[in-house]
Amino acid sequence: MGFHENFPLAFGTGDDGYLAALEKAIKHIAEFAPQFLVVSAGMDIYSADPLGKIRVSRSGIAEIGAQIAKFDLPTAIIMEGGYNTEDLGMNVATFLAAFGAG
């Protein structure tokens, strides 16, 4: 297994498709057995983001945070992308709350 893997998603992919790809990624990460994680958390995956092409709901964003938290590793979460300014803060807070509860 290499150290790099892409999981291409079709435009319009929603929660189910995104979480299925995340499940595959989590398996790869678990096999690698890292000592820490660096997460690039772009909120442009949100369904109402005007520039994003992925359609993940806020509950999907929470599930992403919860799944990543299950690693129980030291984690740096790097915030990037997200252009729906009315919902951006709530999406970030939702992700972080789910991550922290995990």
PDB file of N, CA and C in Angstrom:
ATOM      1  N   MET A   1       0.853  -1.189   0.000  1.00  0.00           N
ATOM      2  CA  MET A   1       0.000   0.000   0.000  1.00  0.00           C
ATOM      3  C   MET A   1       0.892   1.243   0.000  1.00  0.00           C
ATOM      4  N   GLY A   2       0.528   2.194  -0.827  1.00  0.00           N
ATOM      5  CA  GLY A   2       1.259   3.448  -0.872  1.00  0.00           C
ATOM      6  C   GLY A   2       0.818   4.384   0.241  1.00  0.00           C
ATOM      7  N   PHE A   3       1.400   5.556   0.233  1.00  0.00           N
ATOM      8  CA  PHE A   3       1.086   6.537   1.265  1.00  0.00           C
ATOM      9  C   PHE A   3       0.092   7.576   0.794  1.00  0.00           C
ATOM     10  N   HIS A   4      -0.405   7.410  -0.409  1.00  0.00           N
ATOM     11  CA  HIS A   4      -1.307   8.399  -0.984  1.00  0.00           C
ATOM     12  C   HIS A   4      -2.459   7.672  -1.671  1.00  0.00           C
ATOM     13  N   GLU A   5      -3.646   8.143  -1.451  1.00  0.00           N
ATOM     14  CA  GLU A   5      -4.818   7.535  -2.084  1.00  0.00           C
ATOM     15  C   GLU A   5      -5.825   8.637  -2.383  1.00  0.00           C
ATOM     16  N   ASN A   6      -6.365   8.639  -3.578  1.00  0.00           N
ATOM     17  CA  ASN A   6      -7.426   9.569  -3.948  1.00  0.00           C
ATOM     18  C   ASN A   6      -8.747   8.824  -3.981  1.00  0.00           C
ATOM     19  N   PHE A   7      -9.802   9.508  -3.622  1.00  0.00           N
ATOM     20  CA  PHE A   7     -11.153   8.964  -3.670  1.00  0.00           C
ATOM     21  C   PHE A   7     -12.015   9.941  -4.461  1.00  0.00           C
ATOM     22  N   PRO A   8     -11.936   9.886  -5.784  1.00  0.00           N
ATOM     23  CA  PRO A   8     -12.701  10.836  -6.611  1.00  0.00           C
ATOM     24  C   PRO A   8     -14.204  10.689  -6.372  1.00  0.00           C
ATOM     25  N   LEU A   9     -14.859  11.813  -6.263  1.00  0.00           N
ATOM     26  CA  LEU A   9     -16.310  11.835  -6.061  1.00  0.00           C
ATOM     27  C   LEU A   9     -16.964  12.610  -7.200  1.00  0.00           C
ATOM     28  N   ALA A  10     -18.089  12.128  -7.644  1.00  0.00           N
ATOM     29  CA  ALA A  10     -18.831  12.807  -8.703  1.00  0.00           C
ATOM     30  C   ALA A  10     -19.454  14.099  -8.170  1.00  0.00           C
ATOM     31  N   PHE A  11     -19.611  15.070  -9.061  1.00  0.00           N
ATOM     32  CA  PHE A  11     -20.328  16.289  -8.686  1.00  0.00           C
ATOM     33  C   PHE A  11     -21.687  15.889  -8.130  1.00  0.00           C
ATOM     34  N   GLY A  12     -22.076  16.521  -7.053  1.00  0.00           N
ATOM     35  CA  GLY A  12     -23.378  16.261  -6.457  1.00  0.00           C
ATOM     36  C   GLY A  12     -23.398  15.127  -5.451  1.00  0.00           C
ATOM     37  N   THR A  13     -22.236  14.518  -5.180  1.00  0.00           N
ATOM     38  CA  THR A  13     -22.182  13.439  -4.189  1.00  0.00           C
ATOM     39  C   THR A  13     -22.702  13.952  -2.851  1.00  0.00           C
ATOM     40  N   GLY A  14     -23.606  13.195  -2.236  1.00  0.00           N
ATOM     41  CA  GLY A  14     -24.185  13.568  -0.947  1.00  0.00           C
ATOM     42  C   GLY A  14     -23.582  12.781   0.202  1.00  0.00           C
ATOM     43  N   ASP A  15     -24.295  12.766   1.307  1.00  0.00           N
ATOM     44  CA  ASP A  15     -23.807  12.136   2.529  1.00  0.00           C
ATOM     45  C   ASP A  15     -23.403  10.676   2.322  1.00  0.00           C
ATOM     46  N   ASP A  16     -24.274   9.893   1.730  1.00  0.00           N
ATOM     47  CA  ASP A  16     -23.996   8.454   1.602  1.00  0.00           C
ATOM     48  C   ASP A  16     -22.717   8.189   0.815  1.00  0.00           C
ATOM     49  N   GLY A  17     -22.572   8.833  -0.319  1.00  0.00           N
ATOM     50  CA  GLY A  17     -21.382   8.627  -1.138  1.00  0.00           C
ATOM     51  C   GLY A  17     -20.124   9.136  -0.472  1.00  0.00           C
ATOM     52  N   TYR A  18     -20.227  10.297   0.182  1.00  0.00           N
ATOM     53  CA  TYR A  18     -19.058  10.866   0.853  1.00  0.00           C
ATOM     54  C   TYR A  18     -18.631   9.984   2.020  1.00  0.00           C
ATOM     55  N   LEU A  19     -19.595   9.543   2.808  1.00  0.00           N
ATOM     56  CA  LEU A  19     -19.273   8.711   3.969  1.00  0.00           C
ATOM     57  C   LEU A  19     -18.761   7.339   3.555  1.00  0.00           C
ATOM     58  N   ALA A  20     -19.200   6.827   2.414  1.00  0.00           N
ATOM     59  CA  ALA A  20     -18.668   5.554   1.904  1.00  0.00           C
ATOM     60  C   ALA A  20     -17.194   5.718   1.528  1.00  0.00           C
ATOM     61  N   ALA A  21     -16.862   6.828   0.889  1.00  0.00           N
ATOM     62  CA  ALA A  21     -15.463   7.095   0.547  1.00  0.00           C
ATOM     63  C   ALA A  21     -14.639   7.298   1.821  1.00  0.00           C
ATOM     64  N   LEU A  22     -15.207   7.985   2.796  1.00  0.00           N
ATOM     65  CA  LEU A  22     -14.507   8.188   4.064  1.00  0.00           C
ATOM     66  C   LEU A  22     -14.233   6.852   4.748  1.00  0.00           C
ATOM     67  N   GLU A  23     -15.177   5.934   4.684  1.00  0.00           N
ATOM     68  CA  GLU A  23     -14.989   4.611   5.283  1.00  0.00           C
ATOM     69  C   GLU A  23     -13.794   3.901   4.647  1.00  0.00           C
ATOM     70  N   LYS A  24     -13.660   3.991   3.331  1.00  0.00           N
ATOM     71  CA  LYS A  24     -12.505   3.397   2.648  1.00  0.00           C
ATOM     72  C   LYS A  24     -11.212   4.069   3.111  1.00  0.00           C
ATOM     73  N   ALA A  25     -11.240   5.389   3.207  1.00  0.00           N
ATOM     74  CA  ALA A  25     -10.053   6.121   3.650  1.00  0.00           C
ATOM     75  C   ALA A  25      -9.675   5.731   5.076  1.00  0.00           C
ATOM     76  N   ILE A  26     -10.665   5.583   5.936  1.00  0.00           N
ATOM     77  CA  ILE A  26     -10.413   5.213   7.329  1.00  0.00           C
ATOM     78  C   ILE A  26      -9.741   3.841   7.403  1.00  0.00           C
ATOM     79  N   LYS A  27     -10.142   2.912   6.547  1.00  0.00           N
ATOM     80  CA  LYS A  27      -9.502   1.589   6.526  1.00  0.00           C
ATOM     81  C   LYS A  27      -8.035   1.704   6.161  1.00  0.00           C
ATOM     82  N   HIS A  28      -7.730   2.527   5.155  1.00  0.00           N
ATOM     83  CA  HIS A  28      -6.335   2.732   4.769  1.00  0.00           C
ATOM     84  C   HIS A  28      -5.528   3.360   5.899  1.00  0.00           C
ATOM     85  N   ILE A  29      -6.109   4.352   6.533  1.00  0.00           N
ATOM     86  CA  ILE A  29      -5.421   5.027   7.626  1.00  0.00           C
ATOM     87  C   ILE A  29      -5.180   4.061   8.779  1.00  0.00           C
ATOM     88  N   ALA A  30      -6.168   3.262   9.114  1.00  0.00           N
ATOM     89  CA  ALA A  30      -6.024   2.292  10.202  1.00  0.00           C
ATOM     90  C   ALA A  30      -4.915   1.284   9.895  1.00  0.00           C
ATOM     91  N   GLU A  31      -4.823   0.827   8.640  1.00  0.00           N
ATOM     92  CA  GLU A  31      -3.757  -0.109   8.256  1.00  0.00           C
ATOM     93  C   GLU A  31      -2.384   0.541   8.400  1.00  0.00           C
ATOM     94  N   PHE A  32      -2.301   1.820   8.115  1.00  0.00           N
ATOM     95  CA  PHE A  32      -1.040   2.547   8.238  1.00  0.00           C
ATOM     96  C   PHE A  32      -0.645   2.733   9.704  1.00  0.00           C
ATOM     97  N   ALA A  33      -1.628   2.811  10.587  1.00  0.00           N
ATOM     98  CA  ALA A  33      -1.422   2.976  12.034  1.00  0.00           C
ATOM     99  C   ALA A  33      -0.578   4.205  12.383  1.00  0.00           C
ATOM    100  N   PRO A  34      -1.076   5.379  12.040  1.00  0.00           N
ATOM    101  CA  PRO A  34      -0.302   6.595  12.332  1.00  0.00           C
ATOM    102  C   PRO A  34      -0.275   6.902  13.828  1.00  0.00           C
ATOM    103  N   GLN A  35       0.662   7.771  14.188  1.00  0.00           N
ATOM    104  CA  GLN A  35       0.757   8.226  15.572  1.00  0.00           C
ATOM    105  C   GLN A  35      -0.031   9.507  15.787  1.00  0.00           C
ATOM    106  N   PHE A  36      -0.364  10.185  14.724  1.00  0.00           N
ATOM    107  CA  PHE A  36      -1.165  11.414  14.781  1.00  0.00           C
ATOM    108  C   PHE A  36      -1.828  11.619  13.429  1.00  0.00           C
ATOM    109  N   LEU A  37      -2.781  12.540  13.368  1.00  0.00           N
ATOM    110  CA  LEU A  37      -3.494  12.871  12.130  1.00  0.00           C
ATOM    111  C   LEU A  37      -3.406  14.359  11.852  1.00  0.00           C
ATOM    112  N   VAL A  38      -3.385  14.696  10.581  1.00  0.00           N
ATOM    113  CA  VAL A  38      -3.566  16.069  10.130  1.00  0.00           C
ATOM    114  C   VAL A  38      -4.776  16.033   9.200  1.00  0.00           C
ATOM    115  N   VAL A  39      -5.821  16.751   9.563  1.00  0.00           N
ATOM    116  CA  VAL A  39      -7.072  16.738   8.812  1.00  0.00           C
ATOM    117  C   VAL A  39      -7.256  18.082   8.116  1.00  0.00           C
ATOM    118  N   SER A  40      -7.426  18.026   6.811  1.00  0.00           N
ATOM    119  CA  SER A  40      -7.763  19.208   6.032  1.00  0.00           C
ATOM    120  C   SER A  40      -9.284  19.263   5.964  1.00  0.00           C
ATOM    121  N   ALA A  41      -9.874  20.169   6.712  1.00  0.00           N
ATOM    122  CA  ALA A  41     -11.332  20.213   6.862  1.00  0.00           C
ATOM    123  C   ALA A  41     -11.914  21.360   6.051  1.00  0.00           C
ATOM    124  N   GLY A  42     -12.191  21.096   4.794  1.00  0.00           N
ATOM    125  CA  GLY A  42     -12.810  22.102   3.936  1.00  0.00           C
ATOM    126  C   GLY A  42     -14.322  22.018   4.029  1.00  0.00           C
ATOM    127  N   MET A  43     -14.946  23.103   4.331  1.00  0.00           N
ATOM    128  CA  MET A  43     -16.404  23.123   4.476  1.00  0.00           C
ATOM    129  C   MET A  43     -17.113  23.441   3.170  1.00  0.00           C
ATOM    130  N   ASP A  44     -16.358  23.483   2.075  1.00  0.00           N
ATOM    131  CA  ASP A  44     -17.005  23.687   0.778  1.00  0.00           C
ATOM    132  C   ASP A  44     -17.696  22.407   0.296  1.00  0.00           C
ATOM    133  N   ILE A  45     -17.654  21.345   1.096  1.00  0.00           N
ATOM    134  CA  ILE A  45     -18.430  20.133   0.804  1.00  0.00           C
ATOM    135  C   ILE A  45     -19.901  20.309   1.180  1.00  0.00           C
ATOM    136  N   TYR A  46     -20.209  21.366   1.914  1.00  0.00           N
ATOM    137  CA  TYR A  46     -21.569  21.605   2.397  1.00  0.00           C
ATOM    138  C   TYR A  46     -22.532  21.794   1.235  1.00  0.00           C
ATOM    139  N   SER A  47     -23.688  21.226   1.351  1.00  0.00           N
ATOM    140  CA  SER A  47     -24.672  21.208   0.264  1.00  0.00           C
ATOM    141  C   SER A  47     -25.076  22.596  -0.230  1.00  0.00           C
ATOM    142  N   ALA A  48     -25.053  23.598   0.626  1.00  0.00           N
ATOM    143  CA  ALA A  48     -25.473  24.937   0.218  1.00  0.00           C
ATOM    144  C   ALA A  48     -24.289  25.854  -0.095  1.00  0.00           C
ATOM    145  N   ASP A  49     -23.090  25.282  -0.242  1.00  0.00           N
ATOM    146  CA  ASP A  49     -21.934  26.108  -0.570  1.00  0.00           C
ATOM    147  C   ASP A  49     -22.028  26.537  -2.037  1.00  0.00           C
ATOM    148  N   PRO A  50     -21.914  27.830  -2.320  1.00  0.00           N
ATOM    149  CA  PRO A  50     -22.111  28.300  -3.692  1.00  0.00           C
ATOM    150  C   PRO A  50     -20.997  27.879  -4.657  1.00  0.00           C
ATOM    151  N   LEU A  51     -19.823  27.545  -4.154  1.00  0.00           N
ATOM    152  CA  LEU A  51     -18.714  27.160  -5.031  1.00  0.00           C
ATOM    153  C   LEU A  51     -18.433  25.663  -5.006  1.00  0.00           C
ATOM    154  N   GLY A  52     -18.976  24.965  -4.016  1.00  0.00           N
ATOM    155  CA  GLY A  52     -18.721  23.539  -3.891  1.00  0.00           C
ATOM    156  C   GLY A  52     -19.534  22.708  -4.862  1.00  0.00           C
ATOM    157  N   LYS A  53     -19.035  21.532  -5.143  1.00  0.00           N
ATOM    158  CA  LYS A  53     -19.720  20.612  -6.056  1.00  0.00           C
ATOM    159  C   LYS A  53     -20.188  19.349  -5.336  1.00  0.00           C
ATOM    160  N   ILE A  54     -19.872  19.240  -4.056  1.00  0.00           N
ATOM    161  CA  ILE A  54     -20.288  18.105  -3.239  1.00  0.00           C
ATOM    162  C   ILE A  54     -21.461  18.582  -2.389  1.00  0.00           C
ATOM    163  N   ARG A  55     -22.355  17.689  -2.027  1.00  0.00           N
ATOM    164  CA  ARG A  55     -23.596  18.089  -1.359  1.00  0.00           C
ATOM    165  C   ARG A  55     -23.788  17.364  -0.028  1.00  0.00           C
ATOM    166  N   VAL A  56     -22.849  17.565   0.893  1.00  0.00           N
ATOM    167  CA  VAL A  56     -22.935  16.949   2.216  1.00  0.00           C
ATOM    168  C   VAL A  56     -23.767  17.850   3.127  1.00  0.00           C
ATOM    169  N   SER A  57     -24.673  17.243   3.880  1.00  0.00           N
ATOM    170  CA  SER A  57     -25.529  17.992   4.809  1.00  0.00           C
ATOM    171  C   SER A  57     -24.749  18.312   6.087  1.00  0.00           C
ATOM    172  N   ARG A  58     -25.344  19.149   6.913  1.00  0.00           N
ATOM    173  CA  ARG A  58     -24.714  19.461   8.193  1.00  0.00           C
ATOM    174  C   ARG A  58     -24.611  18.206   9.060  1.00  0.00           C
ATOM    175  N   SER A  59     -25.606  17.339   9.038  1.00  0.00           N
ATOM    176  CA  SER A  59     -25.509  16.094   9.814  1.00  0.00           C
ATOM    177  C   SER A  59     -24.415  15.194   9.234  1.00  0.00           C
ATOM    178  N   GLY A  60     -24.203  15.254   7.928  1.00  0.00           N
ATOM    179  CA  GLY A  60     -23.098  14.516   7.318  1.00  0.00           C
ATOM    180  C   GLY A  60     -21.755  15.049   7.792  1.00  0.00           C
ATOM    181  N   ILE A  61     -21.645  16.357   7.909  1.00  0.00           N
ATOM    182  CA  ILE A  61     -20.419  16.973   8.425  1.00  0.00           C
ATOM    183  C   ILE A  61     -20.169  16.510   9.860  1.00  0.00           C
ATOM    184  N   ALA A  62     -21.220  16.423  10.652  1.00  0.00           N
ATOM    185  CA  ALA A  62     -21.069  15.917  12.030  1.00  0.00           C
ATOM    186  C   ALA A  62     -20.572  14.476  12.016  1.00  0.00           C
ATOM    187  N   GLU A  63     -21.112  13.659  11.130  1.00  0.00           N
ATOM    188  CA  GLU A  63     -20.695  12.257  11.055  1.00  0.00           C
ATOM    189  C   GLU A  63     -19.234  12.138  10.634  1.00  0.00           C
ATOM    190  N   ILE A  64     -18.790  12.994   9.749  1.00  0.00           N
ATOM    191  CA  ILE A  64     -17.384  13.006   9.354  1.00  0.00           C
ATOM    192  C   ILE A  64     -16.506  13.270  10.576  1.00  0.00           C
ATOM    193  N   GLY A  65     -16.856  14.290  11.348  1.00  0.00           N
ATOM    194  CA  GLY A  65     -16.092  14.594  12.568  1.00  0.00           C
ATOM    195  C   GLY A  65     -16.085  13.435  13.542  1.00  0.00           C
ATOM    196  N   ALA A  66     -17.227  12.801  13.724  1.00  0.00           N
ATOM    197  CA  ALA A  66     -17.335  11.676  14.656  1.00  0.00           C
ATOM    198  C   ALA A  66     -16.493  10.485  14.193  1.00  0.00           C
ATOM    199  N   GLN A  67     -16.493  10.216  12.881  1.00  0.00           N
ATOM    200  CA  GLN A  67     -15.720   9.084  12.364  1.00  0.00           C
ATOM    201  C   GLN A  67     -14.219   9.318  12.527  1.00  0.00           C
ATOM    202  N   ILE A  68     -13.777  10.514  12.250  1.00  0.00           N
ATOM    203  CA  ILE A  68     -12.353  10.833  12.396  1.00  0.00           C
ATOM    204  C   ILE A  68     -11.932  10.760  13.858  1.00  0.00           C
ATOM    205  N   ALA A  69     -12.806  11.186  14.753  1.00  0.00           N
ATOM    206  CA  ALA A  69     -12.494  11.162  16.189  1.00  0.00           C
ATOM    207  C   ALA A  69     -12.260   9.757  16.707  1.00  0.00           C
ATOM    208  N   LYS A  70     -12.843   8.759  16.068  1.00  0.00           N
ATOM    209  CA  LYS A  70     -12.699   7.372  16.535  1.00  0.00           C
ATOM    210  C   LYS A  70     -11.256   6.885  16.519  1.00  0.00           C
ATOM    211  N   PHE A  71     -10.392   7.556  15.768  1.00  0.00           N
ATOM    212  CA  PHE A  71      -8.978   7.177  15.801  1.00  0.00           C
ATOM    213  C   PHE A  71      -8.358   7.443  17.169  1.00  0.00           C
ATOM    214  N   ASP A  72      -8.915   8.400  17.902  1.00  0.00           N
ATOM    215  CA  ASP A  72      -8.413   8.750  19.228  1.00  0.00           C
ATOM    216  C   ASP A  72      -6.910   9.026  19.201  1.00  0.00           C
ATOM    217  N   LEU A  73      -6.502   9.844  18.253  1.00  0.00           N
ATOM    218  CA  LEU A  73      -5.105  10.214  18.087  1.00  0.00           C
ATOM    219  C   LEU A  73      -4.939  11.727  18.217  1.00  0.00           C
ATOM    220  N   PRO A  74      -3.739  12.178  18.566  1.00  0.00           N
ATOM    221  CA  PRO A  74      -3.493  13.619  18.474  1.00  0.00           C
ATOM    222  C   PRO A  74      -3.782  14.065  17.035  1.00  0.00           C
ATOM    223  N   THR A  75      -4.563  15.132  16.898  1.00  0.00           N
ATOM    224  CA  THR A  75      -5.031  15.540  15.581  1.00  0.00           C
ATOM    225  C   THR A  75      -4.944  17.049  15.420  1.00  0.00           C
ATOM    226  N   ALA A  76      -4.341  17.464  14.306  1.00  0.00           N
ATOM    227  CA  ALA A  76      -4.356  18.875  13.909  1.00  0.00           C
ATOM    228  C   ALA A  76      -5.440  19.019  12.854  1.00  0.00           C
ATOM    229  N   ILE A  77      -6.406  19.887  13.099  1.00  0.00           N
ATOM    230  CA  ILE A  77      -7.482  20.127  12.139  1.00  0.00           C
ATOM    231  C   ILE A  77      -7.206  21.472  11.481  1.00  0.00           C
ATOM    232  N   ILE A  78      -6.933  21.427  10.199  1.00  0.00           N
ATOM    233  CA  ILE A  78      -6.618  22.621   9.430  1.00  0.00           C
ATOM    234  C   ILE A  78      -7.872  23.022   8.652  1.00  0.00           C
ATOM    235  N   MET A  79      -8.394  24.182   8.972  1.00  0.00           N
ATOM    236  CA  MET A  79      -9.608  24.652   8.306  1.00  0.00           C
ATOM    237  C   MET A  79      -9.232  25.325   6.994  1.00  0.00           C
ATOM    238  N   GLU A  80      -9.980  24.995   5.974  1.00  0.00           N
ATOM    239  CA  GLU A  80      -9.808  25.633   4.675  1.00  0.00           C
ATOM    240  C   GLU A  80     -11.157  25.696   3.993  1.00  0.00           C
ATOM    241  N   GLY A  81     -11.244  26.103   2.770  1.00  0.00           N
ATOM    242  CA  GLY A  81     -12.446  26.178   1.974  1.00  0.00           C
ATOM    243  C   GLY A  81     -13.781  26.197   2.690  1.00  0.00           C
ATOM    244  N   GLY A  82     -14.660  26.984   2.192  1.00  0.00           N
ATOM    245  CA  GLY A  82     -16.006  27.144   2.710  1.00  0.00           C
ATOM    246  C   GLY A  82     -16.465  28.541   2.374  1.00  0.00           C
ATOM    247  N   TYR A  83     -17.462  28.646   1.510  1.00  0.00           N
ATOM    248  CA  TYR A  83     -17.802  29.951   0.964  1.00  0.00           C
ATOM    249  C   TYR A  83     -19.254  30.340   1.213  1.00  0.00           C
ATOM    250  N   ASN A  84     -19.966  29.513   1.950  1.00  0.00           N
ATOM    251  CA  ASN A  84     -21.314  29.893   2.368  1.00  0.00           C
ATOM    252  C   ASN A  84     -21.134  30.588   3.715  1.00  0.00           C
ATOM    253  N   THR A  85     -20.975  31.890   3.686  1.00  0.00           N
ATOM    254  CA  THR A  85     -20.613  32.616   4.900  1.00  0.00           C
ATOM    255  C   THR A  85     -21.699  32.586   5.973  1.00  0.00           C
ATOM    256  N   GLU A  86     -22.959  32.430   5.585  1.00  0.00           N
ATOM    257  CA  GLU A  86     -24.022  32.366   6.587  1.00  0.00           C
ATOM    258  C   GLU A  86     -23.958  31.075   7.394  1.00  0.00           C
ATOM    259  N   ASP A  87     -23.528  29.981   6.786  1.00  0.00           N
ATOM    260  CA  ASP A  87     -23.516  28.675   7.445  1.00  0.00           C
ATOM    261  C   ASP A  87     -22.129  28.189   7.826  1.00  0.00           C
ATOM    262  N   LEU A  88     -21.085  28.861   7.380  1.00  0.00           N
ATOM    263  CA  LEU A  88     -19.723  28.385   7.589  1.00  0.00           C
ATOM    264  C   LEU A  88     -19.403  28.157   9.065  1.00  0.00           C
ATOM    265  N   GLY A  89     -19.691  29.131   9.904  1.00  0.00           N
ATOM    266  CA  GLY A  89     -19.398  29.004  11.333  1.00  0.00           C
ATOM    267  C   GLY A  89     -20.134  27.840  11.971  1.00  0.00           C
ATOM    268  N   MET A  90     -21.387  27.656  11.623  1.00  0.00           N
ATOM    269  CA  MET A  90     -22.165  26.551  12.178  1.00  0.00           C
ATOM    270  C   MET A  90     -21.616  25.204  11.700  1.00  0.00           C
ATOM    271  N   ASN A  91     -21.192  25.129  10.448  1.00  0.00           N
ATOM    272  CA  ASN A  91     -20.632  23.884   9.937  1.00  0.00           C
ATOM    273  C   ASN A  91     -19.323  23.526  10.642  1.00  0.00           C
ATOM    274  N   VAL A  92     -18.472  24.521  10.839  1.00  0.00           N
ATOM    275  CA  VAL A  92     -17.212  24.283  11.551  1.00  0.00           C
ATOM    276  C   VAL A  92     -17.505  23.865  12.984  1.00  0.00           C
ATOM    277  N   ALA A  93     -18.413  24.576  13.655  1.00  0.00           N
ATOM    278  CA  ALA A  93     -18.767  24.232  15.035  1.00  0.00           C
ATOM    279  C   ALA A  93     -19.353  22.825  15.117  1.00  0.00           C
ATOM    280  N   THR A  94     -20.162  22.446  14.144  1.00  0.00           N
ATOM    281  CA  THR A  94     -20.757  21.104  14.113  1.00  0.00           C
ATOM    282  C   THR A  94     -19.677  20.044  13.966  1.00  0.00           C
ATOM    283  N   PHE A  95     -18.749  20.258  13.048  1.00  0.00           N
ATOM    284  CA  PHE A  95     -17.639  19.324  12.849  1.00  0.00           C
ATOM    285  C   PHE A  95     -16.819  19.176  14.125  1.00  0.00           C
ATOM    286  N   LEU A  96     -16.440  20.304  14.720  1.00  0.00           N
ATOM    287  CA  LEU A  96     -15.598  20.274  15.926  1.00  0.00           C
ATOM    288  C   LEU A  96     -16.326  19.657  17.112  1.00  0.00           C
ATOM    289  N   ALA A  97     -17.611  19.946  17.261  1.00  0.00           N
ATOM    290  CA  ALA A  97     -18.380  19.355  18.364  1.00  0.00           C
ATOM    291  C   ALA A  97     -18.454  17.846  18.216  1.00  0.00           C
ATOM    292  N   ALA A  98     -18.701  17.367  17.019  1.00  0.00           N
ATOM    293  CA  ALA A  98     -18.774  15.915  16.785  1.00  0.00           C
ATOM    294  C   ALA A  98     -17.401  15.274  16.988  1.00  0.00           C
ATOM    295  N   PHE A  99     -16.367  15.953  16.569  1.00  0.00           N
ATOM    296  CA  PHE A  99     -15.002  15.444  16.761  1.00  0.00           C
ATOM    297  C   PHE A  99     -14.683  15.376  18.265  1.00  0.00           C
ATOM    298  N   GLY A 100     -15.038  16.422  18.974  1.00  0.00           N
ATOM    299  CA  GLY A 100     -14.750  16.475  20.408  1.00  0.00           C
ATOM    300  C   GLY A 100     -15.560  15.482  21.225  1.00  0.00           C
ATOM    301  N   ALA A 101     -16.733  15.120  20.728  1.00  0.00           N
ATOM    302  CA  ALA A 101     -17.585  14.180  21.457  1.00  0.00           C
ATOM    303  C   ALA A 101     -17.156  12.728  21.203  1.00  0.00           C
ATOM    304  N   GLY A 102     -16.349  12.531  20.144  1.00  0.00           N
ATOM    305  CA  GLY A 102     -15.953  11.179  19.754  1.00  0.00           C
ATOM    306  C   GLY A 102     -15.019  10.515  20.645  1.00  0.00           C
TER     307      GLY A 102
END
